[in-house]
Protein backbone atom coordinates (compact mmCIF):
# COMPACT_ATOMS: atom_id res chain seq x y z
CA UNK A 1 1.78 -7.76 -37.88
CA UNK A 2 0.62 -11.13 -38.85
CA UNK A 3 -2.78 -12.71 -38.51
CA UNK A 4 -1.40 -14.94 -35.79
CA UNK A 5 -0.82 -11.92 -33.50
CA UNK A 6 -4.37 -10.71 -34.07
CA UNK A 7 -5.76 -14.10 -33.07
CA UNK A 8 -3.84 -14.01 -29.76
CA UNK A 9 -5.26 -10.66 -28.66
CA UNK A 10 -8.32 -10.70 -26.41
CA UNK A 11 -11.50 -9.12 -27.66
CA UNK A 12 -13.05 -6.03 -26.17
CA UNK A 13 -15.72 -8.11 -24.45
CA UNK A 14 -13.06 -10.32 -22.82
CA UNK A 15 -11.12 -7.27 -21.65
CA UNK A 16 -14.27 -5.72 -20.21
CA UNK A 17 -15.10 -8.97 -18.39
CA UNK A 18 -11.55 -9.08 -16.96
CA UNK A 19 -11.89 -5.45 -15.83
CA UNK A 20 -15.21 -6.21 -14.12
CA UNK A 21 -13.74 -9.24 -12.32
CA UNK A 22 -10.72 -7.22 -11.19
CA UNK A 23 -12.92 -4.36 -9.99
CA UNK A 24 -15.02 -6.84 -8.01
CA UNK A 25 -11.92 -8.41 -6.43
CA UNK A 26 -10.54 -4.98 -5.53
CA UNK A 27 -13.83 -3.94 -3.94
CA UNK A 28 -13.88 -7.12 -1.84
CA UNK A 29 -10.26 -6.58 -0.82
CA UNK A 30 -10.88 -2.95 0.15
CA UNK A 31 -13.91 -3.88 2.24
CA UNK A 32 -11.90 -6.48 4.18
CA UNK A 33 -9.05 -4.00 4.71
CA UNK A 34 -11.38 -1.44 6.25
CA UNK A 35 -12.55 -3.96 8.81
CA UNK A 36 -9.00 -5.08 9.66
CA UNK A 37 -7.53 -1.61 10.21
CA UNK A 38 -7.61 -0.45 13.84
CA UNK A 39 -9.14 2.88 14.67
CA UNK A 40 -6.44 5.53 14.80
CA UNK A 41 -6.67 7.96 17.69
CA UNK A 42 -5.49 11.23 16.19
CA UNK A 43 -5.46 13.29 19.42
CA UNK A 44 -3.08 10.73 20.97
CA UNK A 45 -0.62 11.28 18.15
CA UNK A 46 -0.75 15.03 18.61
CA UNK A 47 -0.41 14.62 22.35
CA UNK A 48 2.83 12.70 21.86
CA UNK A 49 4.13 15.35 19.50
CA UNK A 50 3.26 18.06 22.03
CA UNK A 51 5.16 16.21 24.76
CA UNK A 52 8.17 15.78 22.46
CA UNK A 53 8.20 19.50 21.66
CA UNK A 54 7.90 20.31 25.36
CA UNK A 55 10.87 18.09 26.21
CA UNK A 56 12.97 19.56 23.40
CA UNK A 57 12.17 23.13 24.42
CA UNK A 58 13.06 22.38 28.06
CA UNK A 59 16.44 21.02 26.97
CA UNK A 60 17.18 23.98 24.70
CA UNK A 61 16.05 26.45 27.37
CA UNK A 62 18.46 24.90 29.89
CA UNK A 63 21.40 25.26 27.53
CA UNK A 64 20.45 28.83 26.52
CA UNK A 65 19.94 29.98 30.11
CA UNK A 66 23.26 28.44 31.11
CA UNK A 67 24.99 30.19 28.23
CA UNK A 68 23.37 33.53 29.07
CA UNK A 69 24.36 33.29 32.72
CA UNK A 70 27.90 32.28 31.76
CA UNK A 71 28.23 35.19 29.35
CA UNK A 72 26.89 37.57 31.98
CA UNK A 73 29.34 36.29 34.59
CA UNK A 74 32.20 36.59 32.10
CA UNK A 75 31.25 40.16 31.23
CA UNK A 76 31.12 41.18 34.88
CA UNK A 77 34.33 39.43 35.91
CA UNK A 78 36.29 39.80 32.66
CA UNK A 79 37.00 36.05 32.31
CA UNK A 80 35.43 35.64 28.88
CA UNK A 81 35.66 31.98 27.91
CA UNK A 82 35.69 30.29 31.32
CA UNK A 83 32.34 31.31 32.81
CA UNK A 84 30.63 30.67 29.48
CA UNK A 85 32.09 27.17 29.22
CA UNK A 86 31.25 26.27 32.83
CA UNK A 87 27.68 27.57 32.71
CA UNK A 88 27.05 26.07 29.26
CA UNK A 89 28.00 22.68 30.73
CA UNK A 90 25.77 23.34 33.76
CA UNK A 91 22.93 24.36 31.42
CA UNK A 92 23.45 21.19 29.39
CA UNK A 93 23.31 19.13 32.60
CA UNK A 94 20.15 20.94 33.70
CA UNK A 95 18.58 20.31 30.29
CA UNK A 96 19.39 16.61 30.45
CA UNK A 97 18.01 16.45 33.99
CA UNK A 98 14.77 18.12 32.82
CA UNK A 99 14.44 15.62 29.98
CA UNK A 100 14.96 12.69 32.36
CA UNK A 101 12.41 14.10 34.80
CA UNK A 102 9.83 14.67 32.06
CA UNK A 103 10.20 11.22 30.53
CA UNK A 104 10.27 9.29 33.78
CA UNK A 105 7.12 10.81 35.27
CA UNK A 106 4.51 8.19 36.01
CA UNK A 107 0.82 8.84 35.58
CA UNK A 108 -1.07 9.61 38.74
CA UNK A 109 -3.79 7.14 39.71
CA UNK A 110 -7.33 8.31 39.06
CA UNK A 111 -8.80 6.52 42.09
CA UNK A 112 -8.27 8.65 45.23
CA UNK A 113 -8.46 5.54 47.45
CA UNK A 114 -5.36 4.04 45.80
CA UNK A 115 -3.07 6.81 47.12
């Protein structure tokens, strides 16, 4: 290295001053970010997840119940694939109908006079 490269490097005091200025700017930035962020309602997020799991389980239950009924009908009547196919489709339709009902429910008014 040449002497010219050593002259271009900042001293330890200059580096420390730069670090202090950067730390101050970061602290100011973080304090403004805390005031700009909205309050997050955690229970609302879990409530949405619970409703999503409920809807998914209702759909899966419809398909499984339809399949079980179809298999049972096929075993009793000896028509193995046909009852299973028909009742699986009916179970799928029932699952879709349950999902539509669950998602299209409106909230009930809290004021009894508005009914």
